[in-house]
Amino acid sequence: MVWPANLPDLNPIENIWRLLKHRVGKRFPKTEAEVRQYIEEEWAKLKLEDFQKYISSMRERCQAVLNANSSHTKW
């Protein structure tokens, strides 16, 4: 299988970064120090289930990319 080098749809960590960004954003950091602190705190709160949710969808992700002819998908 040819694997595109930079295809975020097939990289579950991109979803984790989005989740982390959302959680930090909800806390409205005002300084760079707060951003760093909130990132560390929210990262520590991530659960195994957060990662498993995205990893378990790999079959659907791959099929969506194939169906989209390597174009953008919902992932």
Protein backbone atom coordinates (compact mmCIF):
# COMPACT_ATOMS: atom_id res chain seq x y z
CA MET A 1 0.00 0.00 0.00
CA VAL A 2 1.35 3.40 -0.94
CA TRP A 3 1.29 5.59 2.16
CA PRO A 4 1.23 9.37 1.64
CA ALA A 5 3.95 11.06 3.68
CA ASN A 6 1.83 13.90 5.07
CA LEU A 7 -1.77 12.82 5.31
CA PRO A 8 -3.28 14.07 8.59
CA ASP A 9 -6.42 11.98 8.01
CA LEU A 10 -4.31 8.88 8.65
CA ASN A 11 -2.50 10.28 11.66
CA PRO A 12 -4.58 9.89 14.85
CA ILE A 13 -2.28 12.20 16.82
CA GLU A 14 -3.67 15.09 14.79
CA ASN A 15 -7.05 14.44 16.43
CA ILE A 16 -5.41 14.41 19.85
CA TRP A 17 -3.74 17.77 19.13
CA ARG A 18 -7.14 19.15 18.07
CA LEU A 19 -8.74 17.81 21.27
CA LEU A 20 -5.93 19.29 23.37
CA LYS A 21 -6.21 22.66 21.62
CA HIS A 22 -9.97 22.68 22.24
CA ARG A 23 -9.58 21.88 25.94
CA VAL A 24 -6.88 24.50 26.45
CA GLY A 25 -8.90 27.08 24.51
CA LYS A 26 -11.89 26.55 26.78
CA ARG A 27 -9.73 27.72 29.68
CA PHE A 28 -8.95 31.07 28.02
CA PRO A 29 -5.23 31.35 28.77
CA LYS A 30 -4.01 34.93 28.87
CA THR A 31 -0.24 34.51 29.02
CA GLU A 32 2.30 32.23 27.43
CA ALA A 33 2.94 30.73 30.86
CA GLU A 34 -0.74 29.89 31.23
CA VAL A 35 -0.81 28.27 27.79
CA ARG A 36 2.11 26.06 28.76
CA GLN A 37 0.59 25.22 32.13
CA TYR A 38 -2.83 24.41 30.64
CA ILE A 39 -1.31 22.25 27.90
CA GLU A 40 0.59 20.23 30.48
CA GLU A 41 -2.48 19.88 32.71
CA GLU A 42 -4.82 18.93 29.86
CA TRP A 43 -2.27 16.47 28.45
CA ALA A 44 -2.11 14.78 31.85
CA LYS A 45 -5.92 14.48 31.85
CA LEU A 46 -6.01 12.57 28.55
CA LYS A 47 -7.17 9.01 29.02
CA LEU A 48 -6.30 5.87 27.13
CA GLU A 49 -9.84 5.93 25.73
CA ASP A 50 -9.12 9.29 24.05
CA PHE A 51 -6.34 7.66 22.05
CA GLN A 52 -8.16 4.38 21.43
CA LYS A 53 -11.13 6.22 19.94
CA TYR A 54 -8.96 7.52 17.10
CA ILE A 55 -6.79 4.45 16.68
CA SER A 56 -9.78 2.11 16.47
CA SER A 57 -11.12 4.11 13.54
CA MET A 58 -8.08 3.44 11.32
CA ARG A 59 -9.94 0.99 9.06
CA GLU A 60 -12.62 3.63 8.38
CA ARG A 61 -9.97 6.33 7.95
CA CYS A 62 -8.09 4.31 5.35
CA GLN A 63 -11.28 3.49 3.48
CA ALA A 64 -12.36 7.15 3.53
CA VAL A 65 -9.01 8.23 2.09
CA LEU A 66 -9.26 5.59 -0.63
CA ASN A 67 -12.82 6.65 -1.43
CA ALA A 68 -11.77 10.31 -1.54
CA ASN A 69 -8.86 9.54 -3.86
CA SER A 70 -6.41 10.90 -1.26
CA SER A 71 -8.42 14.12 -0.91
CA HIS A 72 -9.67 15.58 2.35
CA THR A 73 -12.00 13.45 4.47
CA LYS A 74 -14.06 14.09 7.60
CA TRP A 75 -11.18 12.79 9.72
